[in-house]
Amino acid sequence: MSPYASKPWLAHYRVPHTLPIPSTTILDAFESNARSHPQAIAIQYFDRSISYAELDYLASCFAALLAFRGVLRGDRVALSLQNNPQFAIAQYGAWKRGAVIVPLSPMYKEEEIGYQFNDSGAKVWVGLDSLYAAARPALERAGVRHVFTTNEHDFAPQAAIPGSQPKLALPETTDLLSALGSAVPDPGHRLRVEPSDLAHIVYTSGTTGKPKGAMGLHRHIAFNANVFRTWMELTPEDAVLGMAPLFHITGLVAHLAVAALAGMPLILFHRFTAGEAIRMARQYKATFSVASITAYIALMREPALAEGAFLKKCFTGGAAVAPSVTEQFEARCGSYIHNTYGLTEVNSPSHSVPYGARAPVHGESGALAIGIPIPNCEARIVDLTDAGRIVPPGEPGELVLKGPFVFEGYWNRPEATAAAFHDGWFLTGDVVIMDRQGWFYIVDRKKDMINASGYKVWPREVEDVLYRHPAVREAAVVGIPDPYRGETVKAFLALRAEATEQEVIAFCRERLAAYKVPRQVEFVEEIPKTASGKFLRRQLRAYATKE
């Protein structure tokens, strides 16, 4: 019998074999909490506590604002926010109207955000007022009809918010806080949302280098939120520390959705800073979080971490984890970091280390196990050149997945959707090994995607910007190991005129999100290529690693 059919991991770990397919949505769970436990805290934002009843009322007010502006079922509402209460208000309010949320990174520049406005066809934008000046040209070109702006101080006016900006007067936009205060909710604004309805479009990079919108249904979110609740043994007595960005699939599912499903508080603090995360976690008794390993590394640099226990249930995902980091973190605060693995296309986790278990280290590669498959997950490893051939334990191949968490496909990209599947199996593009006990290890990536602190960077996108520099003749971008970020971006450039490394980096910083900007630039006479003219990225990576 195939080891993938026998599921050896089930014999070793006390995890559920299956979970029920959701018949309701996270919105249903959220509204149920507002009715049954109205005074329970839904969001703790600095010193401001927002109850489930208040959050539900504010979301209903936002639904009324959308209804007044003609937003209908299936329309897209784009959000450019940090970890603020406004994100939850807009998300639940949009869902009440049957609308689809499109979370956008607040780090995006005009060109990046404009592409996603155009591609998604968003009718509404909700963004921080500090982002409006940069976003305005893209909003106008994309024909976004309704613009709401807000400020990080709106729900915590007296808080000392690290990295905050003063509130701006923008008369050409609608101030969200004022509009919510004058809105009148109406039960008729609440449309029925089914588990099979589209909930969000989250943009991810793909093989063409152009961002693609991964379509997640309400049932996908509800299923994986239940995985987190069950796997991590979460109850209303727990509290989620919002270290992952809410605009990322981890924040959407492992923070917002699981908090609503379990009826527990979500602790938010605008943008991640290690000192504020520790302070908020201790003041408001946080017990659980999922965050990038770089966030945990940043926490370890804070002297306050050693002053007492910090988070009983620690999980990480999105980037490779060095075994030494988990050991150091446990020594500092007594908590073990459990590894997880997921993709935007699978709506967060497909694999995780069971709560209370410890991930083994692969003997040959030194990789820390990403975990075992979650309930209802069918996972196989197939030949890198023949997706129809399953490889045996111990042999590397591409991880392919099936399950009730796998996305519906890419927005308006039928060809890309078809290419992402083989006989119904989703092709992850990650090279993985499974041992005979059922642990899975990522040992390489099939594609050239760079993974910087859990953020995905497609080399071609960075190269396209580099080619705009008048001094650049050829540009090739690769990911190189970085002890803090896991990987960082390095550019190799052949020039036609003089330029400095600092000048090139500054040029990119004006046009790209910070995590996409090359940290290193090396000038070469010629970039190595194949006979057909393709850049030899593998050769460049090998050269950069030897330095």
Protein backbone atom coordinates (compact mmCIF):
# COMPACT_ATOMS: atom_id res chain seq x y z
CA MET A 1 0.00 0.00 0.00
CA SER A 2 1.22 3.51 -0.77
CA PRO A 3 2.49 5.34 2.34
CA TYR A 4 0.33 8.28 1.28
CA ALA A 5 -2.76 6.08 1.44
CA SER A 6 -1.85 4.50 4.80
CA LYS A 7 -1.13 7.91 6.41
CA PRO A 8 1.62 6.81 8.84
CA TRP A 9 1.37 10.09 10.76
CA LEU A 10 -2.06 9.15 12.13
CA ALA A 11 -0.59 6.22 14.03
CA HIS A 12 1.96 8.40 15.80
CA TYR A 13 0.10 11.59 16.72
CA ARG A 14 -3.23 12.21 18.37
CA VAL A 15 -4.75 14.40 15.69
CA PRO A 16 -8.21 14.16 14.14
CA HIS A 17 -8.39 12.16 10.93
CA THR A 18 -11.09 14.39 9.48
CA LEU A 19 -13.11 17.47 10.28
CA PRO A 20 -16.62 18.27 9.01
CA ILE A 21 -17.00 20.34 5.88
CA PRO A 22 -18.42 23.72 6.96
CA SER A 23 -22.11 24.33 6.44
CA THR A 24 -21.83 27.91 7.75
CA THR A 25 -19.37 30.78 7.35
CA ILE A 26 -17.01 32.76 9.57
CA LEU A 27 -19.45 35.66 9.24
CA ASP A 28 -22.15 33.41 10.74
CA ALA A 29 -19.82 32.52 13.63
CA PHE A 30 -18.94 36.15 14.20
CA GLU A 31 -22.59 37.25 14.28
CA SER A 32 -23.46 34.34 16.55
CA ASN A 33 -20.84 35.50 19.07
CA ALA A 34 -22.25 39.02 18.89
CA ARG A 35 -25.67 37.65 19.85
CA SER A 36 -24.66 35.07 22.47
CA HIS A 37 -21.69 36.91 24.07
CA PRO A 38 -22.22 40.57 23.14
CA GLN A 39 -19.87 41.99 25.78
CA ALA A 40 -17.00 39.60 25.12
CA ILE A 41 -13.95 41.35 23.70
CA ALA A 42 -13.54 40.85 19.96
CA ILE A 43 -10.58 43.21 19.43
CA GLN A 44 -8.11 44.71 21.85
CA TYR A 45 -6.41 47.61 20.07
CA PHE A 46 -3.88 49.25 22.37
CA ASP A 47 -6.01 50.52 25.28
CA ARG A 48 -9.32 50.28 23.37
CA SER A 49 -11.51 47.21 23.87
CA ILE A 50 -14.11 46.53 21.18
CA SER A 51 -16.80 43.99 22.07
CA TYR A 52 -18.33 41.53 19.65
CA ALA A 53 -21.58 43.52 19.78
CA GLU A 54 -19.84 46.81 19.00
CA LEU A 55 -17.76 45.31 16.19
CA ASP A 56 -20.88 43.73 14.70
CA TYR A 57 -22.71 47.07 14.87
CA LEU A 58 -19.81 48.90 13.18
CA ALA A 59 -19.67 46.22 10.48
CA SER A 60 -23.40 46.64 9.91
CA CYS A 61 -22.83 50.38 9.61
CA PHE A 62 -20.19 49.76 6.96
CA ALA A 63 -22.58 47.42 5.14
CA ALA A 64 -25.10 50.29 5.14
CA LEU A 65 -22.49 52.62 3.65
CA LEU A 66 -21.81 50.08 0.91
CA ALA A 67 -25.51 49.54 0.26
CA PHE A 68 -26.03 53.31 -0.07
CA ARG A 69 -23.25 53.35 -2.69
CA GLY A 70 -24.77 50.53 -4.70
CA VAL A 71 -22.35 47.77 -3.76
CA LEU A 72 -23.89 44.41 -4.66
CA ARG A 73 -23.19 40.74 -4.14
CA GLY A 74 -19.85 39.80 -5.67
CA ASP A 75 -18.49 43.36 -5.93
CA ARG A 76 -14.92 43.79 -4.75
CA VAL A 77 -13.83 45.96 -1.82
CA ALA A 78 -10.07 46.61 -1.63
CA LEU A 79 -8.39 47.19 1.74
CA SER A 80 -5.02 48.87 2.28
CA LEU A 81 -4.75 48.74 6.06
CA GLN A 82 -2.38 47.59 8.76
CA ASN A 83 -3.54 45.57 11.77
CA ASN A 84 -6.25 48.03 12.75
CA PRO A 85 -9.85 47.44 13.87
CA GLN A 86 -10.94 49.07 10.60
CA PHE A 87 -9.77 45.94 8.76
CA ALA A 88 -12.23 43.74 10.65
CA ILE A 89 -15.01 46.34 10.33
CA ALA A 90 -14.55 46.56 6.57
CA GLN A 91 -14.17 42.81 6.10
CA TYR A 92 -17.30 41.84 8.03
CA GLY A 93 -19.23 44.79 6.61
CA ALA A 94 -18.32 43.82 3.06
CA TRP A 95 -19.27 40.21 3.72
CA LYS A 96 -22.63 41.32 5.09
CA ARG A 97 -23.27 42.81 1.64
CA GLY A 98 -22.10 39.61 -0.07
CA ALA A 99 -19.06 41.53 -1.37
CA VAL A 100 -15.55 40.15 -1.83
CA ILE A 101 -12.57 41.63 -0.01
CA VAL A 102 -9.28 42.26 -1.78
CA PRO A 103 -6.56 42.79 0.84
CA LEU A 104 -3.62 44.83 -0.46
CA SER A 105 -0.25 45.34 1.17
CA PRO A 106 0.14 48.86 2.58
CA MET A 107 3.75 48.64 1.36
CA TYR A 108 2.72 48.64 -2.30
CA LYS A 109 3.66 51.59 -4.48
CA GLU A 110 1.43 53.23 -7.09
CA GLU A 111 2.22 50.80 -9.91
CA GLU A 112 1.75 47.69 -7.79
CA ILE A 113 -1.51 48.82 -6.25
CA GLY A 114 -2.79 50.09 -9.60
CA TYR A 115 -2.31 46.69 -11.20
CA GLN A 116 -4.40 45.00 -8.50
CA PHE A 117 -7.12 47.66 -8.63
CA ASN A 118 -7.44 47.10 -12.36
CA ASP A 119 -7.21 43.32 -12.22
CA SER A 120 -9.75 42.90 -9.40
CA GLY A 121 -12.16 45.55 -10.68
CA ALA A 122 -12.61 46.87 -7.13
CA LYS A 123 -15.43 49.42 -6.73
CA VAL A 124 -14.43 50.52 -3.22
CA TRP A 125 -11.11 51.27 -1.51
CA VAL A 126 -10.62 51.52 2.25
CA GLY A 127 -7.12 52.74 3.08
CA LEU A 128 -4.99 54.53 5.61
CA ASP A 129 -5.00 58.26 4.97
CA SER A 130 -1.19 58.26 4.81
CA LEU A 131 -1.39 55.99 1.74
CA TYR A 132 -3.93 58.06 -0.20
CA ALA A 133 -1.54 60.46 -1.94
CA ALA A 134 0.44 57.58 -3.46
CA ALA A 135 -2.68 55.56 -4.29
CA ARG A 136 -4.78 58.38 -5.75
CA PRO A 137 -3.48 58.24 -9.36
CA ALA A 138 -3.99 54.47 -9.45
CA LEU A 139 -7.47 54.81 -7.96
CA GLU A 140 -8.46 57.34 -10.61
CA ARG A 141 -7.04 55.33 -13.50
CA ALA A 142 -8.76 52.15 -12.28
CA GLY A 143 -12.10 53.92 -11.86
CA VAL A 144 -12.52 53.03 -8.18
CA ARG A 145 -15.78 54.78 -7.38
CA HIS A 146 -15.81 55.07 -3.60
CA VAL A 147 -12.84 55.91 -1.37
CA PHE A 148 -12.83 55.71 2.43
CA THR A 149 -9.79 56.85 4.39
CA THR A 150 -8.98 56.24 8.01
CA ASN A 151 -6.16 56.68 10.49
CA GLU A 152 -4.48 54.33 12.93
CA HIS A 153 -5.44 56.66 15.81
CA ASP A 154 -9.16 56.64 15.00
CA PHE A 155 -9.92 53.83 17.45
CA ALA A 156 -7.13 54.63 19.92
CA PRO A 157 -6.69 58.41 19.92
CA GLN A 158 -4.55 58.53 23.05
CA ALA A 159 -2.31 55.55 22.29
CA ALA A 160 1.40 55.92 21.63
CA ILE A 161 1.41 53.97 18.36
CA PRO A 162 4.90 53.16 17.04
CA GLY A 163 5.41 54.39 13.49
CA SER A 164 2.05 56.20 13.40
CA GLN A 165 1.16 59.19 11.23
CA PRO A 166 -1.05 62.17 12.19
CA LYS A 167 -4.57 62.17 10.85
CA LEU A 168 -4.91 63.96 7.52
CA ALA A 169 -7.77 66.12 6.30
CA LEU A 170 -8.75 64.67 2.91
CA PRO A 171 -11.98 66.36 1.81
CA GLU A 172 -11.98 64.50 -1.53
CA THR A 173 -12.41 61.19 0.33
CA THR A 174 -14.97 59.90 2.83
CA ASP A 175 -13.65 59.75 6.39
CA LEU A 176 -14.51 56.25 7.54
CA LEU A 177 -14.90 57.04 11.24
CA SER A 178 -17.29 59.94 10.59
CA ALA A 179 -19.27 57.92 8.05
CA LEU A 180 -19.67 55.02 10.46
CA GLY A 181 -20.94 57.43 13.11
CA SER A 182 -23.72 58.70 10.84
CA ALA A 183 -24.67 55.38 9.18
CA VAL A 184 -27.97 53.69 10.01
CA PRO A 185 -27.83 49.87 9.82
CA ASP A 186 -30.75 48.09 8.20
CA PRO A 187 -31.37 44.31 8.37
CA GLY A 188 -32.17 44.50 4.67
CA HIS A 189 -28.54 45.34 3.95
CA ARG A 190 -27.47 41.92 5.21
CA LEU A 191 -27.42 39.51 2.28
CA ARG A 192 -27.28 35.76 2.76
CA VAL A 193 -23.72 34.48 2.32
CA GLU A 194 -23.24 30.80 1.47
CA PRO A 195 -20.12 28.70 2.14
CA SER A 196 -19.73 28.33 -1.61
CA ASP A 197 -19.59 32.12 -2.18
CA LEU A 198 -16.36 33.93 -2.96
CA ALA A 199 -14.93 35.54 0.19
CA HIS A 200 -11.61 37.06 -0.81
CA ILE A 201 -9.13 37.55 -3.62
CA VAL A 202 -5.60 37.48 -2.24
CA TYR A 203 -2.84 38.28 -4.70
CA THR A 204 0.11 35.96 -5.03
CA SER A 205 2.89 35.73 -7.57
CA GLY A 206 2.96 32.94 -10.15
CA THR A 207 4.99 31.50 -12.94
CA THR A 208 4.49 34.48 -15.25
CA GLY A 209 5.74 36.93 -12.65
CA LYS A 210 2.50 38.92 -12.72
CA PRO A 211 0.53 38.84 -9.45
CA LYS A 212 -2.51 36.57 -9.65
CA GLY A 213 -5.61 36.79 -7.48
CA ALA A 214 -6.18 33.54 -5.60
CA MET A 215 -9.92 33.06 -5.01
CA GLY A 216 -10.83 31.78 -1.55
CA LEU A 217 -14.39 30.73 -0.76
CA HIS A 218 -16.10 31.18 2.59
CA ARG A 219 -15.95 27.42 3.16
CA HIS A 220 -12.18 27.37 2.62
CA ILE A 221 -11.68 30.00 5.31
CA ALA A 222 -14.11 28.33 7.71
CA PHE A 223 -12.48 24.92 7.26
CA ASN A 224 -8.93 26.08 7.91
CA ALA A 225 -10.03 28.28 10.81
CA ASN A 226 -11.52 25.13 12.33
CA VAL A 227 -8.23 23.33 11.69
CA PHE A 228 -6.42 25.98 13.71
CA ARG A 229 -9.04 25.88 16.47
CA THR A 230 -8.89 22.09 16.70
CA TRP A 231 -5.20 21.52 16.08
CA MET A 232 -4.04 24.27 18.45
CA GLU A 233 -6.77 23.46 21.03
CA LEU A 234 -8.14 27.01 21.08
CA THR A 235 -11.10 28.09 23.23
CA PRO A 236 -12.71 31.41 24.26
CA GLU A 237 -10.18 31.43 27.12
CA ASP A 238 -7.36 31.92 24.62
CA ALA A 239 -6.39 35.21 22.97
CA VAL A 240 -4.72 35.72 19.58
CA LEU A 241 -1.73 38.03 19.33
CA GLY A 242 -1.95 39.63 15.88
CA MET A 243 1.70 39.44 14.82
CA ALA A 244 0.99 38.43 11.19
CA PRO A 245 -0.36 41.14 8.86
CA LEU A 246 -4.12 40.90 8.32
CA PHE A 247 -3.65 41.53 4.59
CA HIS A 248 -1.72 38.23 4.39
CA ILE A 249 -3.47 34.84 4.24
CA THR A 250 -2.01 33.96 7.67
CA GLY A 251 -3.57 37.01 9.29
CA LEU A 252 -6.87 36.51 7.48
CA VAL A 253 -7.28 32.90 8.61
CA ALA A 254 -5.03 32.31 11.63
CA HIS A 255 -5.94 35.62 13.30
CA LEU A 256 -9.27 37.08 12.18
CA ALA A 257 -11.14 33.92 11.20
CA VAL A 258 -10.03 31.64 14.03
CA ALA A 259 -10.71 34.37 16.61
CA ALA A 260 -14.30 34.68 15.38
CA LEU A 261 -14.77 30.92 15.22
CA ALA A 262 -13.46 30.30 18.74
CA GLY A 263 -15.06 33.47 20.16
CA MET A 264 -11.77 34.76 21.56
CA PRO A 265 -10.15 38.22 21.53
CA LEU A 266 -7.79 39.36 18.77
CA ILE A 267 -5.03 41.66 20.03
CA LEU A 268 -3.94 44.21 17.43
CA PHE A 269 -1.26 46.90 17.51
CA HIS A 270 -1.10 48.52 14.05
CA ARG A 271 2.32 47.34 12.84
CA PHE A 272 4.57 44.68 14.31
CA THR A 273 7.28 45.89 16.63
CA ALA A 274 8.87 43.40 19.01
CA GLY A 275 8.61 45.56 22.11
CA GLU A 276 4.92 46.37 21.54
CA ALA A 277 4.12 42.70 20.79
CA ILE A 278 5.63 41.65 24.12
CA ARG A 279 3.91 44.43 26.05
CA MET A 280 0.49 43.78 24.53
CA ALA A 281 0.81 40.01 24.88
CA ARG A 282 1.53 40.26 28.58
CA GLN A 283 -0.94 43.03 29.39
CA TYR A 284 -3.85 41.29 27.64
CA LYS A 285 -2.82 37.67 28.31
CA ALA A 286 -2.26 36.46 24.75
CA THR A 287 -1.81 32.71 24.41
CA PHE A 288 -1.56 31.99 20.68
CA SER A 289 -0.07 33.35 17.48
CA VAL A 290 1.17 32.36 14.05
CA ALA A 291 3.97 34.58 12.77
CA SER A 292 7.00 34.50 10.51
CA ILE A 293 10.19 33.18 12.06
CA THR A 294 11.71 36.64 11.60
CA ALA A 295 9.14 38.00 14.04
CA TYR A 296 10.24 35.47 16.66
CA ILE A 297 13.88 36.36 15.97
CA ALA A 298 13.03 40.01 16.54
CA LEU A 299 11.32 39.10 19.82
CA MET A 300 14.46 37.30 21.00
CA ARG A 301 16.43 40.52 20.58
CA GLU A 302 14.21 42.22 23.16
CA PRO A 303 15.51 41.97 26.74
CA ALA A 304 11.91 42.01 28.00
CA LEU A 305 11.27 38.59 26.46
CA ALA A 306 13.31 36.87 29.16
CA GLU A 307 11.28 38.46 31.96
CA GLY A 308 8.56 35.82 31.90
CA ALA A 309 6.53 33.40 29.82
CA PHE A 310 5.45 34.58 26.39
CA LEU A 311 2.68 32.82 24.45
CA LYS A 312 1.92 29.23 25.32
CA LYS A 313 0.99 28.28 21.74
CA CYS A 314 3.57 29.53 19.26
CA PHE A 315 3.38 28.63 15.57
CA THR A 316 5.33 29.85 12.56
CA GLY A 317 5.07 29.55 8.82
CA GLY A 318 5.94 31.19 5.53
CA ALA A 319 9.71 30.75 5.58
CA ALA A 320 12.36 28.15 6.37
CA VAL A 321 13.08 27.70 10.08
CA ALA A 322 16.51 26.90 11.45
CA PRO A 323 16.33 24.32 14.27
CA SER A 324 18.69 26.48 16.34
CA VAL A 325 16.15 29.33 16.36
CA THR A 326 13.42 27.19 17.94
CA GLU A 327 15.93 25.99 20.54
CA GLN A 328 17.04 29.52 21.40
CA PHE A 329 13.47 30.79 21.63
CA GLU A 330 12.43 27.97 23.93
CA ALA A 331 15.45 28.63 26.14
CA ARG A 332 14.54 32.33 26.37
CA CYS A 333 10.81 32.11 27.12
CA GLY A 334 9.92 28.46 27.65
CA SER A 335 7.69 28.12 24.57
CA TYR A 336 8.34 25.79 21.65
CA ILE A 337 7.72 27.19 18.16
CA HIS A 338 5.63 24.73 16.12
CA ASN A 339 6.25 24.79 12.38
CA THR A 340 3.44 25.06 9.82
CA TYR A 341 3.28 25.11 6.03
CA GLY A 342 0.75 26.67 3.74
CA LEU A 343 0.20 28.80 0.68
CA THR A 344 -2.22 31.51 -0.33
CA GLU A 345 -3.74 28.95 -2.70
CA VAL A 346 -4.56 26.58 0.17
CA ASN A 347 -5.87 29.34 2.45
CA SER A 348 -3.13 28.97 5.05
CA PRO A 349 -2.13 25.57 6.45
CA SER A 350 -1.91 22.21 4.74
CA HIS A 351 0.72 20.86 7.18
CA SER A 352 1.57 21.63 10.77
CA VAL A 353 3.42 20.23 13.76
CA PRO A 354 0.74 19.00 16.18
CA TYR A 355 0.45 21.13 19.31
CA GLY A 356 2.70 19.58 21.94
CA ALA A 357 4.77 17.60 19.42
CA ARG A 358 8.29 18.45 18.26
CA ALA A 359 9.41 18.61 14.66
CA PRO A 360 12.30 16.30 13.75
CA VAL A 361 15.26 17.49 11.70
CA HIS A 362 15.98 15.83 8.38
CA GLY A 363 19.28 13.99 8.61
CA GLU A 364 20.65 14.84 5.16
CA SER A 365 19.37 18.35 4.48
CA GLY A 366 19.22 19.64 8.06
CA ALA A 367 15.71 20.96 7.37
CA LEU A 368 13.21 21.23 10.20
CA ALA A 369 10.00 19.34 9.41
CA ILE A 370 7.09 21.50 8.27
CA GLY A 371 4.74 19.07 10.02
CA ILE A 372 2.23 16.45 9.00
CA PRO A 373 -0.90 16.94 6.88
CA ILE A 374 -3.89 18.61 8.50
CA PRO A 375 -7.25 16.77 8.69
CA ASN A 376 -8.87 16.05 5.30
CA CYS A 377 -5.60 16.86 3.53
CA GLU A 378 -4.44 14.50 0.83
CA ALA A 379 -0.72 15.08 0.29
CA ARG A 380 1.60 13.37 -2.15
CA ILE A 381 5.10 13.88 -3.45
CA VAL A 382 5.44 13.38 -7.19
CA ASP A 383 8.26 13.25 -9.69
CA LEU A 384 9.57 16.68 -10.65
CA THR A 385 9.15 15.96 -14.36
CA ASP A 386 6.13 13.64 -14.20
CA ALA A 387 3.36 14.79 -11.86
CA GLY A 388 1.59 11.48 -12.42
CA ARG A 389 4.35 9.43 -10.77
CA ILE A 390 4.40 9.23 -6.97
CA VAL A 391 7.86 9.03 -5.41
CA PRO A 392 8.57 6.86 -2.35
CA PRO A 393 9.46 8.14 1.14
CA GLY A 394 12.93 9.62 1.34
CA GLU A 395 12.99 10.73 -2.31
CA PRO A 396 12.53 14.43 -3.17
CA GLY A 397 9.71 15.55 -5.42
CA GLU A 398 7.03 18.18 -5.81
CA LEU A 399 4.38 18.40 -3.10
CA VAL A 400 0.84 18.15 -4.49
CA LEU A 401 -2.35 18.61 -2.48
CA LYS A 402 -6.08 17.96 -2.40
CA GLY A 403 -8.60 18.99 0.21
CA PRO A 404 -11.47 21.29 1.20
CA PHE A 405 -9.03 24.16 1.70
CA VAL A 406 -7.65 24.36 -1.86
CA PHE A 407 -8.60 27.55 -3.70
CA GLU A 408 -11.03 27.80 -6.60
CA GLY A 409 -8.45 29.18 -9.00
CA TYR A 410 -6.99 32.50 -10.10
CA TRP A 411 -9.24 35.49 -10.75
CA ASN A 412 -9.76 35.91 -14.51
CA ARG A 413 -6.86 33.50 -15.18
CA PRO A 414 -8.32 30.24 -16.54
CA GLU A 415 -5.06 29.19 -18.18
CA ALA A 416 -3.02 29.82 -15.02
CA THR A 417 -5.66 27.95 -13.01
CA ALA A 418 -5.44 24.94 -15.33
CA ALA A 419 -1.63 24.97 -15.11
CA ALA A 420 -1.78 24.95 -11.29
CA PHE A 421 -3.46 21.52 -11.21
CA HIS A 422 -2.69 18.02 -12.47
CA ASP A 423 -5.56 15.53 -12.40
CA GLY A 424 -7.23 17.53 -9.63
CA TRP A 425 -4.08 17.86 -7.52
CA PHE A 426 -2.76 21.34 -6.74
CA LEU A 427 0.91 21.69 -7.68
CA THR A 428 2.68 23.63 -4.92
CA GLY A 429 6.00 24.08 -6.74
CA ASP A 430 7.88 23.15 -3.54
CA VAL A 431 10.38 20.29 -3.48
CA VAL A 432 9.65 18.13 -0.46
CA ILE A 433 10.71 14.85 1.17
CA MET A 434 8.46 12.68 3.34
CA ASP A 435 10.07 10.26 5.79
CA ARG A 436 8.57 6.89 6.75
CA GLN A 437 6.96 8.34 9.88
CA GLY A 438 5.01 10.80 7.76
CA TRP A 439 6.94 14.00 8.49
CA PHE A 440 7.34 16.37 5.54
CA TYR A 441 10.43 18.52 4.88
CA ILE A 442 10.92 21.32 2.34
CA VAL A 443 14.37 20.95 0.83
CA ASP A 444 14.20 23.25 -2.22
CA ARG A 445 11.85 25.20 -4.46
CA LYS A 446 10.92 24.22 -7.96
CA LYS A 447 10.40 27.79 -9.03
CA ASP A 448 12.65 30.81 -8.70
CA MET A 449 10.44 32.58 -6.19
CA ILE A 450 12.31 34.40 -3.44
CA ASN A 451 10.91 34.02 0.09
CA ALA A 452 11.93 37.06 2.17
CA SER A 453 10.52 36.87 5.71
CA GLY A 454 7.51 34.97 4.40
CA TYR A 455 6.82 37.53 1.65
CA LYS A 456 7.03 36.15 -1.87
CA VAL A 457 9.15 38.05 -4.38
CA TRP A 458 9.15 37.22 -8.08
CA PRO A 459 12.56 38.06 -9.66
CA ARG A 460 11.07 39.25 -12.94
CA GLU A 461 9.06 41.98 -11.20
CA VAL A 462 12.23 43.38 -9.61
CA GLU A 463 14.13 42.99 -12.89
CA ASP A 464 11.43 44.95 -14.74
CA VAL A 465 12.03 47.89 -12.41
CA LEU A 466 15.82 47.60 -12.68
CA TYR A 467 15.60 47.71 -16.47
CA ARG A 468 14.01 51.15 -16.21
CA HIS A 469 17.22 52.55 -14.76
CA PRO A 470 19.03 54.28 -17.62
CA ALA A 471 22.38 52.74 -16.66
CA VAL A 472 21.18 49.12 -16.61
CA ARG A 473 21.81 46.89 -19.63
CA GLU A 474 20.99 43.48 -18.12
CA ALA A 475 19.48 42.56 -14.75
CA ALA A 476 19.08 39.21 -13.02
CA VAL A 477 17.66 38.84 -9.54
CA VAL A 478 18.07 35.85 -7.22
CA GLY A 479 17.38 34.98 -3.61
CA ILE A 480 20.35 34.41 -1.33
CA PRO A 481 20.42 33.07 2.26
CA ASP A 482 19.87 35.65 4.96
CA PRO A 483 20.17 34.77 8.69
CA TYR A 484 17.29 37.07 9.63
CA ARG A 485 14.89 36.98 6.64
CA GLY A 486 15.55 33.44 5.50
CA GLU A 487 16.22 34.82 2.03
CA THR A 488 16.95 38.26 0.71
CA VAL A 489 17.04 39.81 -2.75
CA LYS A 490 20.30 40.20 -4.67
CA ALA A 491 20.61 41.82 -8.10
CA PHE A 492 23.31 41.15 -10.66
CA LEU A 493 23.64 44.02 -13.16
CA ALA A 494 25.52 44.58 -16.38
CA LEU A 495 25.69 48.32 -17.02
CA ARG A 496 25.73 50.58 -20.06
CA ALA A 497 26.70 53.62 -17.98
CA GLU A 498 28.07 54.33 -14.53
CA ALA A 499 25.94 53.70 -11.46
CA THR A 500 26.48 52.94 -7.78
CA GLU A 501 24.91 50.28 -5.60
CA GLN A 502 23.32 52.94 -3.40
CA GLU A 503 21.82 54.69 -6.43
CA VAL A 504 20.28 51.48 -7.77
CA ILE A 505 18.81 50.53 -4.40
CA ALA A 506 17.32 54.01 -3.97
CA PHE A 507 15.83 53.77 -7.48
CA CYS A 508 14.12 50.48 -6.55
CA ARG A 509 12.95 51.74 -3.18
CA GLU A 510 10.90 54.44 -4.91
CA ARG A 511 9.10 51.87 -7.05
CA LEU A 512 8.82 48.66 -5.02
CA ALA A 513 7.61 47.49 -1.63
CA ALA A 514 10.49 47.38 0.84
CA TYR A 515 10.75 43.59 0.95
CA LYS A 516 11.22 43.46 -2.85
CA VAL A 517 14.10 45.96 -2.94
CA PRO A 518 17.53 44.35 -3.51
CA ARG A 519 19.64 44.38 -0.38
CA GLN A 520 22.75 43.64 -2.43
CA VAL A 521 23.76 44.71 -5.93
CA GLU A 522 26.71 43.27 -7.80
CA PHE A 523 27.99 44.63 -11.10
CA VAL A 524 29.22 42.12 -13.69
CA GLU A 525 30.50 42.33 -17.24
CA GLU A 526 27.94 39.86 -18.52
CA ILE A 527 25.16 37.82 -16.92
CA PRO A 528 25.56 34.08 -17.63
CA LYS A 529 22.93 32.66 -19.96
CA THR A 530 21.85 29.45 -21.60
CA ALA A 531 22.20 28.95 -25.34
CA SER A 532 18.63 30.18 -25.75
CA GLY A 533 19.37 33.38 -23.85
CA LYS A 534 17.79 32.54 -20.48
CA PHE A 535 19.62 33.71 -17.39
CA LEU A 536 21.34 30.96 -15.38
CA ARG A 537 19.83 31.87 -12.02
CA ARG A 538 21.04 28.66 -10.41
CA GLN A 539 24.61 29.55 -11.36
CA LEU A 540 24.18 33.05 -9.95
CA ARG A 541 22.75 31.69 -6.68
CA ALA A 542 25.62 29.23 -6.35
CA TYR A 543 28.14 32.00 -6.99
CA ALA A 544 26.49 34.35 -4.49
CA THR A 545 26.32 31.63 -1.82
CA LYS A 546 30.06 30.89 -2.07
CA GLU A 547 31.02 34.49 -1.40
